[in-house]
Amino acid sequence: MRIIDHLRLNPMCFNAATDKFDFDAAEYIEDATAFDITEVANQIIESETETFGAGSSSALTAKGHELIKTCPHPTDPNSHTLDLDQYIGIIPPFSNSFYEYTVNNYVYEDKAGMTHRLPVTHGIQVTSMPESWLPIAISDYKERGIKYALEATVYTGSRLGNQYYVERNTIASIASDVDGRPLVCNVRALLPPGVDRTLRQNQPQSTPIVVVLVALMMLNCRMLKSTVTEPPPKSRQQRRYEEQHPQRATPPPVRLYTLEIDLDKTGTGAPGAGKKGGWEQAWHKVRGHLRHYKSGKVVPVRPFAKGNPLKGVVLKDYKLTGGTAA
């Protein structure tokens, strides 16, 4: 079952901030546009492991190590952190969107040391804060170059026996500039008051946030193909029943966009499948200039960006000398 469909029918979910089933997700997922990013996640995650009392961890694929841009942690030489300068296009396509993916290779080790293999689904609801919110919450947003502010909430859905339940466990605050280059990315676990956040089992689930960052980068750089999955229509018998019992009417499943990697643009397929040229270069900006044709025609070209962000991100400034200022 998809998390967003489950939440629309059963919006009350487990809230890690209170350790109770008291969080109502209805208003958060209302009118959210849903995306299935399982293919993107499969490129990054090889497996996930959760051990009772010790938290969870993710093993990355070889491609995942390339896609997730990291750098040495500034204060801990034995760990790494996200290299935000190597991400671009972190701009949600809608004001309210929901991204989910399934991890089939998921292992849970219980208190007795027994291991269980089960599919687990992660759903990340992303809200794009309106521009009017920026000066209220971030007084120096202009000085910092902040154009977009996002709030992300991680939900995890799993089945225990015959029961399927959803947990809200992690939130993130993200701010990016006009190009969608993240300037801030704060990820924190939802925990009851007084819980020691330094313990490993109390660390946030950061992998779903990273998967969404990669998906947004690829989506806004046109590296993903989007296919709409229309919900199946209700049967005549079901429609008749709901007309007679409107209080028991169930909403139809969510209209979902499935995002698939466009191999022609990423060049991640078989040899010869990828295009040469711009997609073999790192992402970079090209300043506005005049294009001169052989016919003598001169056409102004607006500033634009080109290149493949998976090959890296190049940030540069132009310094013009000589001539006279216009």
C-alpha atoms as a PDB file:
ATOM      1  CA  MET A   1       0.000   0.000   0.000  1.00  0.00           C
ATOM      2  CA  ARG A   2       1.166   3.510  -0.780  1.00  0.00           C
ATOM      3  CA  ILE A   3       1.711   5.694   2.267  1.00  0.00           C
ATOM      4  CA  ILE A   4      -0.245   8.646   0.915  1.00  0.00           C
ATOM      5  CA  ASP A   5      -3.288   6.460   0.126  1.00  0.00           C
ATOM      6  CA  HIS A   6      -3.124   4.946   3.600  1.00  0.00           C
ATOM      7  CA  LEU A   7      -2.872   8.383   5.250  1.00  0.00           C
ATOM      8  CA  ARG A   8      -5.844   9.709   3.304  1.00  0.00           C
ATOM      9  CA  LEU A   9      -7.948   6.843   4.659  1.00  0.00           C
ATOM     10  CA  ASN A  10      -6.250   6.682   8.079  1.00  0.00           C
ATOM     11  CA  PRO A  11      -4.681  10.117   8.768  1.00  0.00           C
ATOM     12  CA  MET A  12      -3.883   9.396  12.417  1.00  0.00           C
ATOM     13  CA  CYS A  13      -0.365   7.997  12.587  1.00  0.00           C
ATOM     14  CA  PHE A  14       2.331   7.278  15.131  1.00  0.00           C
ATOM     15  CA  ASN A  15       4.089  10.452  16.240  1.00  0.00           C
ATOM     16  CA  ALA A  16       7.696   9.918  17.306  1.00  0.00           C
ATOM     17  CA  ALA A  17       7.622  13.319  19.058  1.00  0.00           C
ATOM     18  CA  THR A  18       5.069  12.050  21.598  1.00  0.00           C
ATOM     19  CA  ASP A  19       5.501   8.260  21.311  1.00  0.00           C
ATOM     20  CA  LYS A  20       1.752   7.977  20.610  1.00  0.00           C
ATOM     21  CA  PHE A  21      -0.641   7.558  17.686  1.00  0.00           C
ATOM     22  CA  ASP A  22      -1.771  11.150  17.945  1.00  0.00           C
ATOM     23  CA  PHE A  23      -0.545  12.919  14.793  1.00  0.00           C
ATOM     24  CA  ASP A  24      -3.205  13.897  12.245  1.00  0.00           C
ATOM     25  CA  ALA A  25      -1.610  14.086   8.785  1.00  0.00           C
ATOM     26  CA  ALA A  26      -4.830  15.055   6.977  1.00  0.00           C
ATOM     27  CA  GLU A  27      -4.123  18.771   6.547  1.00  0.00           C
ATOM     28  CA  TYR A  28      -0.498  18.142   5.569  1.00  0.00           C
ATOM     29  CA  ILE A  29      -1.234  15.785   2.675  1.00  0.00           C
ATOM     30  CA  GLU A  30      -4.401  17.533   1.484  1.00  0.00           C
ATOM     31  CA  ASP A  31      -4.050  18.505  -2.196  1.00  0.00           C
ATOM     32  CA  ALA A  32      -0.471  17.178  -2.267  1.00  0.00           C
ATOM     33  CA  THR A  33       0.835  16.066  -5.655  1.00  0.00           C
ATOM     34  CA  ALA A  34       2.371  12.599  -5.291  1.00  0.00           C
ATOM     35  CA  PHE A  35       5.530  11.245  -6.913  1.00  0.00           C
ATOM     36  CA  ASP A  36       6.873   7.689  -6.921  1.00  0.00           C
ATOM     37  CA  ILE A  37      10.677   8.021  -6.777  1.00  0.00           C
ATOM     38  CA  THR A  38      11.442   4.325  -6.203  1.00  0.00           C
ATOM     39  CA  GLU A  39      13.691   4.128  -9.271  1.00  0.00           C
ATOM     40  CA  VAL A  40      15.792   7.048  -8.033  1.00  0.00           C
ATOM     41  CA  ALA A  41      16.013   5.467  -4.565  1.00  0.00           C
ATOM     42  CA  ASN A  42      17.072   2.100  -6.041  1.00  0.00           C
ATOM     43  CA  GLN A  43      20.007   3.843  -7.703  1.00  0.00           C
ATOM     44  CA  ILE A  44      21.127   5.096  -4.283  1.00  0.00           C
ATOM     45  CA  ILE A  45      20.132   2.527  -1.644  1.00  0.00           C
ATOM     46  CA  GLU A  46      21.288  -1.082  -1.668  1.00  0.00           C
ATOM     47  CA  SER A  47      19.701  -2.068   1.645  1.00  0.00           C
ATOM     48  CA  GLU A  48      18.454  -0.756   4.976  1.00  0.00           C
ATOM     49  CA  THR A  49      18.975  -2.340   8.375  1.00  0.00           C
ATOM     50  CA  GLU A  50      17.218  -1.541  11.633  1.00  0.00           C
ATOM     51  CA  THR A  51      18.350  -3.070  14.912  1.00  0.00           C
ATOM     52  CA  PHE A  52      16.249  -2.906  18.056  1.00  0.00           C
ATOM     53  CA  GLY A  53      17.725  -0.302  20.388  1.00  0.00           C
ATOM     54  CA  ALA A  54      20.463   0.712  17.942  1.00  0.00           C
ATOM     55  CA  GLY A  55      18.639   2.630  15.211  1.00  0.00           C
ATOM     56  CA  SER A  56      18.747   2.189  11.442  1.00  0.00           C
ATOM     57  CA  SER A  57      21.402   2.497   8.757  1.00  0.00           C
ATOM     58  CA  SER A  58      21.514   2.478   4.957  1.00  0.00           C
ATOM     59  CA  ALA A  59      24.030   0.755   2.682  1.00  0.00           C
ATOM     60  CA  LEU A  60      24.589   2.686  -0.535  1.00  0.00           C
ATOM     61  CA  THR A  61      25.182   1.352  -4.027  1.00  0.00           C
ATOM     62  CA  ALA A  62      28.250   2.358  -6.025  1.00  0.00           C
ATOM     63  CA  LYS A  63      26.046   4.782  -7.951  1.00  0.00           C
ATOM     64  CA  GLY A  64      24.654   6.072  -4.654  1.00  0.00           C
ATOM     65  CA  HIS A  65      28.130   7.114  -3.538  1.00  0.00           C
ATOM     66  CA  GLU A  66      28.402   9.148  -6.763  1.00  0.00           C
ATOM     67  CA  LEU A  67      24.957  10.735  -6.508  1.00  0.00           C
ATOM     68  CA  ILE A  68      25.113  11.688  -2.830  1.00  0.00           C
ATOM     69  CA  LYS A  69      27.615  14.507  -2.664  1.00  0.00           C
ATOM     70  CA  THR A  70      29.486  14.488   0.651  1.00  0.00           C
ATOM     71  CA  CYS A  71      32.503  16.214   2.179  1.00  0.00           C
ATOM     72  CA  PRO A  72      34.478  15.745   5.439  1.00  0.00           C
ATOM     73  CA  HIS A  73      32.607  16.923   8.510  1.00  0.00           C
ATOM     74  CA  PRO A  74      34.014  20.275   9.735  1.00  0.00           C
ATOM     75  CA  THR A  75      34.287  19.136  13.366  1.00  0.00           C
ATOM     76  CA  ASP A  76      34.446  15.323  13.152  1.00  0.00           C
ATOM     77  CA  PRO A  77      37.283  14.033  10.912  1.00  0.00           C
ATOM     78  CA  ASN A  78      35.898  10.485  11.073  1.00  0.00           C
ATOM     79  CA  SER A  79      32.541  11.337   9.476  1.00  0.00           C
ATOM     80  CA  HIS A  80      31.123  13.067   6.421  1.00  0.00           C
ATOM     81  CA  THR A  81      28.339  15.555   5.805  1.00  0.00           C
ATOM     82  CA  LEU A  82      26.417  16.725   2.752  1.00  0.00           C
ATOM     83  CA  ASP A  83      28.357  18.962   0.392  1.00  0.00           C
ATOM     84  CA  LEU A  84      25.549  21.424  -0.270  1.00  0.00           C
ATOM     85  CA  ASP A  85      27.615  23.265  -2.890  1.00  0.00           C
ATOM     86  CA  GLN A  86      27.308  20.213  -5.148  1.00  0.00           C
ATOM     87  CA  TYR A  87      23.491  20.225  -5.237  1.00  0.00           C
ATOM     88  CA  ILE A  88      21.431  22.335  -7.583  1.00  0.00           C
ATOM     89  CA  GLY A  89      17.757  22.681  -8.523  1.00  0.00           C
ATOM     90  CA  ILE A  90      16.353  22.049  -5.040  1.00  0.00           C
ATOM     91  CA  ILE A  91      13.018  23.637  -5.958  1.00  0.00           C
ATOM     92  CA  PRO A  92       9.791  21.674  -5.423  1.00  0.00           C
ATOM     93  CA  PRO A  93       7.539  21.614  -8.506  1.00  0.00           C
ATOM     94  CA  PHE A  94       4.430  22.300  -6.396  1.00  0.00           C
ATOM     95  CA  SER A  95       3.674  24.151  -3.153  1.00  0.00           C
ATOM     96  CA  ASN A  96       2.717  20.825  -1.545  1.00  0.00           C
ATOM     97  CA  SER A  97       4.184  17.573  -2.835  1.00  0.00           C
ATOM     98  CA  PHE A  98       4.686  14.039  -1.550  1.00  0.00           C
ATOM     99  CA  TYR A  99       7.533  11.709  -2.572  1.00  0.00           C
ATOM    100  CA  GLU A 100       7.613   8.045  -1.700  1.00  0.00           C
ATOM    101  CA  TYR A 101       9.680   4.977  -2.431  1.00  0.00           C
ATOM    102  CA  THR A 102       9.839   1.353  -1.311  1.00  0.00           C
ATOM    103  CA  VAL A 103      12.949  -0.372   0.029  1.00  0.00           C
ATOM    104  CA  ASN A 104      12.498  -4.083  -0.672  1.00  0.00           C
ATOM    105  CA  ASN A 105      15.835  -5.122   0.830  1.00  0.00           C
ATOM    106  CA  TYR A 106      14.979  -4.079   4.388  1.00  0.00           C
ATOM    107  CA  VAL A 107      16.128  -6.103   7.397  1.00  0.00           C
ATOM    108  CA  TYR A 108      14.820  -5.665  10.940  1.00  0.00           C
ATOM    109  CA  GLU A 109      16.585  -7.301  13.896  1.00  0.00           C
ATOM    110  CA  ASP A 110      14.282  -7.575  16.891  1.00  0.00           C
ATOM    111  CA  LYS A 111      15.055  -7.593  20.618  1.00  0.00           C
ATOM    112  CA  ALA A 112      15.697 -11.349  20.585  1.00  0.00           C
ATOM    113  CA  GLY A 113      18.195 -11.053  17.733  1.00  0.00           C
ATOM    114  CA  MET A 114      15.839 -12.571  15.143  1.00  0.00           C
ATOM    115  CA  THR A 115      16.005 -10.964  11.691  1.00  0.00           C
ATOM    116  CA  HIS A 116      12.956 -10.184   9.578  1.00  0.00           C
ATOM    117  CA  ARG A 117      12.968  -9.169   5.909  1.00  0.00           C
ATOM    118  CA  LEU A 118      10.073  -6.981   4.881  1.00  0.00           C
ATOM    119  CA  PRO A 119       9.374  -4.159   2.434  1.00  0.00           C
ATOM    120  CA  VAL A 120       9.303  -0.692   3.973  1.00  0.00           C
ATOM    121  CA  THR A 121       8.039   2.489   2.336  1.00  0.00           C
ATOM    122  CA  HIS A 122       9.287   5.993   3.055  1.00  0.00           C
ATOM    123  CA  GLY A 123       7.139   9.018   2.263  1.00  0.00           C
ATOM    124  CA  ILE A 124       8.456  12.578   2.364  1.00  0.00           C
ATOM    125  CA  GLN A 125       5.951  15.428   2.372  1.00  0.00           C
ATOM    126  CA  VAL A 126       7.499  18.700   1.179  1.00  0.00           C
ATOM    127  CA  THR A 127       5.887  22.087   1.715  1.00  0.00           C
ATOM    128  CA  SER A 128       7.233  25.101  -0.153  1.00  0.00           C
ATOM    129  CA  MET A 129       6.765  28.133   2.051  1.00  0.00           C
ATOM    130  CA  PRO A 130       5.306  31.224   0.304  1.00  0.00           C
ATOM    131  CA  GLU A 131       7.515  34.239  -0.369  1.00  0.00           C
ATOM    132  CA  SER A 132       5.511  36.283   2.129  1.00  0.00           C
ATOM    133  CA  TRP A 133       6.690  33.857   4.840  1.00  0.00           C
ATOM    134  CA  LEU A 134      10.395  34.542   4.243  1.00  0.00           C
ATOM    135  CA  PRO A 135      10.739  38.056   5.782  1.00  0.00           C
ATOM    136  CA  ILE A 136       8.756  36.916   8.834  1.00  0.00           C
ATOM    137  CA  ALA A 137      10.791  33.783   9.558  1.00  0.00           C
ATOM    138  CA  ILE A 138      14.183  34.773   8.096  1.00  0.00           C
ATOM    139  CA  SER A 139      14.805  38.482   8.523  1.00  0.00           C
ATOM    140  CA  ASP A 140      18.093  38.444   6.582  1.00  0.00           C
ATOM    141  CA  TYR A 141      16.909  36.148   3.773  1.00  0.00           C
ATOM    142  CA  LYS A 142      17.872  38.692   1.092  1.00  0.00           C
ATOM    143  CA  GLU A 143      21.399  39.103   2.429  1.00  0.00           C
ATOM    144  CA  ARG A 144      21.803  35.329   2.549  1.00  0.00           C
ATOM    145  CA  GLY A 145      20.458  34.922  -0.974  1.00  0.00           C
ATOM    146  CA  ILE A 146      17.525  32.732   0.096  1.00  0.00           C
ATOM    147  CA  LYS A 147      14.785  32.406  -2.511  1.00  0.00           C
ATOM    148  CA  TYR A 148      13.036  29.179  -1.490  1.00  0.00           C
ATOM    149  CA  ALA A 149      12.268  27.717   1.935  1.00  0.00           C
ATOM    150  CA  LEU A 150      11.072  24.130   2.297  1.00  0.00           C
ATOM    151  CA  GLU A 151       9.796  22.031   5.175  1.00  0.00           C
ATOM    152  CA  ALA A 152      10.038  18.250   4.768  1.00  0.00           C
ATOM    153  CA  THR A 153       8.477  15.536   6.953  1.00  0.00           C
ATOM    154  CA  VAL A 154       9.489  11.874   6.747  1.00  0.00           C
ATOM    155  CA  TYR A 155       6.886   9.146   7.205  1.00  0.00           C
ATOM    156  CA  THR A 156       7.738   5.438   7.308  1.00  0.00           C
ATOM    157  CA  GLY A 157       5.161   2.788   6.541  1.00  0.00           C
ATOM    158  CA  SER A 158       5.584  -0.905   7.365  1.00  0.00           C
ATOM    159  CA  ARG A 159       3.481  -3.979   7.999  1.00  0.00           C
ATOM    160  CA  LEU A 160       3.617  -5.975  11.217  1.00  0.00           C
ATOM    161  CA  GLY A 161       1.574  -9.127  10.827  1.00  0.00           C
ATOM    162  CA  ASN A 162      -1.748  -8.106   9.312  1.00  0.00           C
ATOM    163  CA  GLN A 163      -1.493  -4.492  10.449  1.00  0.00           C
ATOM    164  CA  TYR A 164      -0.028  -1.661   8.368  1.00  0.00           C
ATOM    165  CA  TYR A 165       0.982   1.459  10.252  1.00  0.00           C
ATOM    166  CA  VAL A 166       2.735   4.734   9.484  1.00  0.00           C
ATOM    167  CA  GLU A 167       5.189   6.624  11.704  1.00  0.00           C
ATOM    168  CA  ARG A 168       6.175  10.296  11.483  1.00  0.00           C
ATOM    169  CA  ASN A 169       9.785  10.425  12.641  1.00  0.00           C
ATOM    170  CA  THR A 170      11.971  13.100  11.009  1.00  0.00           C
ATOM    171  CA  ILE A 171      11.654  16.688   9.818  1.00  0.00           C
ATOM    172  CA  ALA A 172      14.000  18.910   7.813  1.00  0.00           C
ATOM    173  CA  SER A 173      14.270  22.632   7.089  1.00  0.00           C
ATOM    174  CA  ILE A 174      15.849  23.496   3.735  1.00  0.00           C
ATOM    175  CA  ALA A 175      16.584  26.873   2.172  1.00  0.00           C
ATOM    176  CA  SER A 176      17.952  27.407  -1.331  1.00  0.00           C
ATOM    177  CA  ASP A 177      18.885  30.277  -3.629  1.00  0.00           C
ATOM    178  CA  VAL A 178      17.400  31.312  -6.979  1.00  0.00           C
ATOM    179  CA  ASP A 179      19.133  28.380  -8.738  1.00  0.00           C
ATOM    180  CA  GLY A 180      17.915  25.915  -6.130  1.00  0.00           C
ATOM    181  CA  ARG A 181      21.371  25.586  -4.559  1.00  0.00           C
ATOM    182  CA  PRO A 182      20.753  24.644  -0.906  1.00  0.00           C
ATOM    183  CA  LEU A 183      22.166  27.099   1.616  1.00  0.00           C
ATOM    184  CA  VAL A 184      20.669  25.411   4.689  1.00  0.00           C
ATOM    185  CA  CYS A 185      19.702  21.784   5.332  1.00  0.00           C
ATOM    186  CA  ASN A 186      18.851  20.990   8.945  1.00  0.00           C
ATOM    187  CA  VAL A 187      17.601  17.450   9.588  1.00  0.00           C
ATOM    188  CA  ARG A 188      16.369  16.503  13.057  1.00  0.00           C
ATOM    189  CA  ALA A 189      14.645  13.533  14.628  1.00  0.00           C
ATOM    190  CA  LEU A 190      11.236  13.872  16.256  1.00  0.00           C
ATOM    191  CA  LEU A 191      11.724  12.733  19.852  1.00  0.00           C
ATOM    192  CA  PRO A 192       9.805  13.068  23.124  1.00  0.00           C
ATOM    193  CA  PRO A 193      11.141  15.717  25.547  1.00  0.00           C
ATOM    194  CA  GLY A 194      14.137  14.619  27.568  1.00  0.00           C
ATOM    195  CA  VAL A 195      15.395  11.951  25.158  1.00  0.00           C
ATOM    196  CA  ASP A 196      19.153  11.927  24.570  1.00  0.00           C
ATOM    197  CA  ARG A 197      19.634  12.974  20.930  1.00  0.00           C
ATOM    198  CA  THR A 198      23.314  11.972  20.915  1.00  0.00           C
ATOM    199  CA  LEU A 199      22.539   8.242  21.024  1.00  0.00           C
ATOM    200  CA  ARG A 200      22.716   6.418  17.704  1.00  0.00           C
ATOM    201  CA  GLN A 201      19.156   5.078  17.934  1.00  0.00           C
ATOM    202  CA  ASN A 202      17.896   8.653  18.295  1.00  0.00           C
ATOM    203  CA  GLN A 203      19.531  10.013  15.146  1.00  0.00           C
ATOM    204  CA  PRO A 204      17.239  11.304  12.355  1.00  0.00           C
ATOM    205  CA  GLN A 205      16.485   9.283   9.238  1.00  0.00           C
ATOM    206  CA  SER A 206      18.543  11.426   6.888  1.00  0.00           C
ATOM    207  CA  THR A 207      18.607   9.032   3.912  1.00  0.00           C
ATOM    208  CA  PRO A 208      15.015   9.828   2.797  1.00  0.00           C
ATOM    209  CA  ILE A 209      15.846  13.547   2.828  1.00  0.00           C
ATOM    210  CA  VAL A 210      18.953  12.928   0.711  1.00  0.00           C
ATOM    211  CA  VAL A 211      16.946  10.813  -1.747  1.00  0.00           C
ATOM    212  CA  VAL A 212      14.466  13.676  -2.150  1.00  0.00           C
ATOM    213  CA  LEU A 213      17.298  16.176  -2.718  1.00  0.00           C
ATOM    214  CA  VAL A 214      18.722  13.978  -5.483  1.00  0.00           C
ATOM    215  CA  ALA A 215      15.251  13.465  -6.997  1.00  0.00           C
ATOM    216  CA  LEU A 216      14.541  17.213  -7.002  1.00  0.00           C
ATOM    217  CA  MET A 217      17.930  17.937  -8.545  1.00  0.00           C
ATOM    218  CA  MET A 218      17.328  15.397 -11.310  1.00  0.00           C
ATOM    219  CA  LEU A 219      13.719  16.491 -11.824  1.00  0.00           C
ATOM    220  CA  ASN A 220      14.528  20.179 -12.200  1.00  0.00           C
ATOM    221  CA  CYS A 221      17.491  19.411 -14.455  1.00  0.00           C
ATOM    222  CA  ARG A 222      15.148  17.391 -16.704  1.00  0.00           C
ATOM    223  CA  MET A 223      16.887  14.098 -16.047  1.00  0.00           C
ATOM    224  CA  LEU A 224      13.673  12.291 -15.110  1.00  0.00           C
ATOM    225  CA  LYS A 225      10.710  11.195 -17.186  1.00  0.00           C
ATOM    226  CA  SER A 226       7.312  11.647 -15.567  1.00  0.00           C
ATOM    227  CA  THR A 227       4.441   9.208 -16.184  1.00  0.00           C
ATOM    228  CA  VAL A 228       0.990   9.816 -14.729  1.00  0.00           C
ATOM    229  CA  THR A 229      -0.725   6.845 -13.103  1.00  0.00           C
ATOM    230  CA  GLU A 230      -4.451   7.429 -13.082  1.00  0.00           C
ATOM    231  CA  PRO A 231      -6.367   5.864 -10.164  1.00  0.00           C
ATOM    232  CA  PRO A 232      -8.708   3.014 -11.146  1.00  0.00           C
ATOM    233  CA  PRO A 233     -12.357   4.105 -11.386  1.00  0.00           C
ATOM    234  CA  LYS A 234     -14.795   2.955  -8.735  1.00  0.00           C
ATOM    235  CA  SER A 235     -17.166   0.165  -9.695  1.00  0.00           C
ATOM    236  CA  ARG A 236     -20.858   0.836 -10.202  1.00  0.00           C
ATOM    237  CA  GLN A 237     -21.646  -1.221  -7.108  1.00  0.00           C
ATOM    238  CA  GLN A 238     -19.199   0.832  -5.025  1.00  0.00           C
ATOM    239  CA  ARG A 239     -20.579   4.116  -6.330  1.00  0.00           C
ATOM    240  CA  ARG A 240     -24.143   3.006  -5.547  1.00  0.00           C
ATOM    241  CA  TYR A 241     -23.148   1.972  -2.021  1.00  0.00           C
ATOM    242  CA  GLU A 242     -21.469   5.333  -1.384  1.00  0.00           C
ATOM    243  CA  GLU A 243     -24.515   7.204  -2.665  1.00  0.00           C
ATOM    244  CA  GLN A 244     -26.621   5.324  -0.111  1.00  0.00           C
ATOM    245  CA  HIS A 245     -23.997   5.704   2.661  1.00  0.00           C
ATOM    246  CA  PRO A 246     -22.199   9.024   2.016  1.00  0.00           C
ATOM    247  CA  GLN A 247     -20.617   8.987   5.469  1.00  0.00           C
ATOM    248  CA  ARG A 248     -18.706   5.837   4.478  1.00  0.00           C
ATOM    249  CA  ALA A 249     -17.537   7.080   1.102  1.00  0.00           C
ATOM    250  CA  THR A 250     -13.820   6.610   0.517  1.00  0.00           C
ATOM    251  CA  PRO A 251     -11.752   9.010  -1.580  1.00  0.00           C
ATOM    252  CA  PRO A 252     -10.235   7.559  -4.744  1.00  0.00           C
ATOM    253  CA  PRO A 253      -6.507   6.751  -4.766  1.00  0.00           C
ATOM    254  CA  VAL A 254      -4.143   9.612  -5.403  1.00  0.00           C
ATOM    255  CA  ARG A 255      -3.156  10.567  -8.947  1.00  0.00           C
ATOM    256  CA  LEU A 256       0.519   9.653  -8.965  1.00  0.00           C
ATOM    257  CA  TYR A 257       3.506  10.686 -11.084  1.00  0.00           C
ATOM    258  CA  THR A 258       6.086   7.928 -11.522  1.00  0.00           C
ATOM    259  CA  LEU A 259       9.562   9.371 -12.065  1.00  0.00           C
ATOM    260  CA  GLU A 260      11.988   7.320 -14.152  1.00  0.00           C
ATOM    261  CA  ILE A 261      15.575   8.179 -14.983  1.00  0.00           C
ATOM    262  CA  ASP A 262      16.027   9.363 -18.569  1.00  0.00           C
ATOM    263  CA  LEU A 263      19.060   7.334 -19.676  1.00  0.00           C
ATOM    264  CA  ASP A 264      19.453   9.398 -22.840  1.00  0.00           C
ATOM    265  CA  LYS A 265      20.272  12.420 -20.694  1.00  0.00           C
ATOM    266  CA  THR A 266      22.150  10.926 -17.755  1.00  0.00           C
ATOM    267  CA  GLY A 267      24.294   8.566 -19.791  1.00  0.00           C
ATOM    268  CA  THR A 268      23.910   5.894 -17.092  1.00  0.00           C
ATOM    269  CA  GLY A 269      22.771   3.193 -19.472  1.00  0.00           C
ATOM    270  CA  ALA A 270      24.720   0.923 -21.791  1.00  0.00           C
ATOM    271  CA  PRO A 271      27.716   2.321 -23.705  1.00  0.00           C
ATOM    272  CA  GLY A 272      26.524   4.545 -26.503  1.00  0.00           C
ATOM    273  CA  ALA A 273      23.145   5.182 -24.858  1.00  0.00           C
ATOM    274  CA  GLY A 274      24.029   8.585 -23.445  1.00  0.00           C
ATOM    275  CA  LYS A 275      24.363  11.777 -25.401  1.00  0.00           C
ATOM    276  CA  LYS A 276      27.655  13.607 -25.682  1.00  0.00           C
ATOM    277  CA  GLY A 277      28.153  17.279 -25.226  1.00  0.00           C
ATOM    278  CA  GLY A 278      26.479  19.209 -22.438  1.00  0.00           C
ATOM    279  CA  TRP A 279      25.553  16.140 -20.403  1.00  0.00           C
ATOM    280  CA  GLU A 280      29.191  15.112 -20.160  1.00  0.00           C
ATOM    281  CA  GLN A 281      30.050  18.478 -18.584  1.00  0.00           C
ATOM    282  CA  ALA A 282      29.515  19.596 -15.008  1.00  0.00           C
ATOM    283  CA  TRP A 283      26.506  21.867 -14.385  1.00  0.00           C
ATOM    284  CA  HIS A 284      27.441  25.516 -14.892  1.00  0.00           C
ATOM    285  CA  LYS A 285      25.894  28.848 -15.770  1.00  0.00           C
ATOM    286  CA  VAL A 286      26.464  30.723 -19.009  1.00  0.00           C
ATOM    287  CA  ARG A 287      26.216  34.507 -18.882  1.00  0.00           C
ATOM    288  CA  GLY A 288      24.143  36.478 -21.350  1.00  0.00           C
ATOM    289  CA  HIS A 289      25.936  37.301 -24.581  1.00  0.00           C
ATOM    290  CA  LEU A 290      25.491  38.229 -28.245  1.00  0.00           C
ATOM    291  CA  ARG A 291      25.411  35.439 -30.803  1.00  0.00           C
ATOM    292  CA  HIS A 292      26.843  36.398 -34.210  1.00  0.00           C
ATOM    293  CA  TYR A 293      25.663  34.422 -37.247  1.00  0.00           C
ATOM    294  CA  LYS A 294      27.522  34.159 -40.563  1.00  0.00           C
ATOM    295  CA  SER A 295      24.708  36.096 -42.211  1.00  0.00           C
ATOM    296  CA  GLY A 296      25.654  39.064 -40.071  1.00  0.00           C
ATOM    297  CA  LYS A 297      22.612  38.761 -37.832  1.00  0.00           C
ATOM    298  CA  VAL A 298      23.254  39.379 -34.137  1.00  0.00           C
ATOM    299  CA  VAL A 299      20.923  37.782 -31.584  1.00  0.00           C
ATOM    300  CA  PRO A 300      21.047  38.413 -27.811  1.00  0.00           C
ATOM    301  CA  VAL A 301      21.156  35.218 -25.721  1.00  0.00           C
ATOM    302  CA  ARG A 302      19.801  35.316 -22.190  1.00  0.00           C
ATOM    303  CA  PRO A 303      21.764  33.774 -19.298  1.00  0.00           C
ATOM    304  CA  PHE A 304      21.123  30.056 -18.927  1.00  0.00           C
ATOM    305  CA  ALA A 305      22.448  26.935 -17.249  1.00  0.00           C
ATOM    306  CA  LYS A 306      23.749  23.779 -18.901  1.00  0.00           C
ATOM    307  CA  GLY A 307      25.508  20.557 -18.004  1.00  0.00           C
ATOM    308  CA  ASN A 308      24.910  17.501 -15.860  1.00  0.00           C
ATOM    309  CA  PRO A 309      24.797  18.075 -12.058  1.00  0.00           C
ATOM    310  CA  LEU A 310      25.755  14.415 -11.534  1.00  0.00           C
ATOM    311  CA  LYS A 311      29.138  15.343 -13.024  1.00  0.00           C
ATOM    312  CA  GLY A 312      29.504  18.142 -10.479  1.00  0.00           C
ATOM    313  CA  VAL A 313      28.544  21.789 -10.070  1.00  0.00           C
ATOM    314  CA  VAL A 314      30.793  24.651 -11.153  1.00  0.00           C
ATOM    315  CA  LEU A 315      30.090  28.061  -9.599  1.00  0.00           C
ATOM    316  CA  LYS A 316      31.869  31.003 -11.153  1.00  0.00           C
ATOM    317  CA  ASP A 317      31.689  34.778 -11.475  1.00  0.00           C
ATOM    318  CA  TYR A 318      32.675  36.903 -14.426  1.00  0.00           C
ATOM    319  CA  LYS A 319      34.923  39.911 -13.951  1.00  0.00           C
ATOM    320  CA  LEU A 320      34.791  42.311 -16.893  1.00  0.00           C
ATOM    321  CA  THR A 321      37.654  44.740 -17.471  1.00  0.00           C
ATOM    322  CA  GLY A 322      38.200  47.493 -20.022  1.00  0.00           C
ATOM    323  CA  GLY A 323      35.624  49.332 -22.081  1.00  0.00           C
ATOM    324  CA  THR A 324      33.108  51.729 -20.673  1.00  0.00           C
ATOM    325  CA  ALA A 325      30.169  51.024 -18.451  1.00  0.00           C
ATOM    326  CA  ALA A 326      26.778  51.309 -20.131  1.00  0.00           C
END
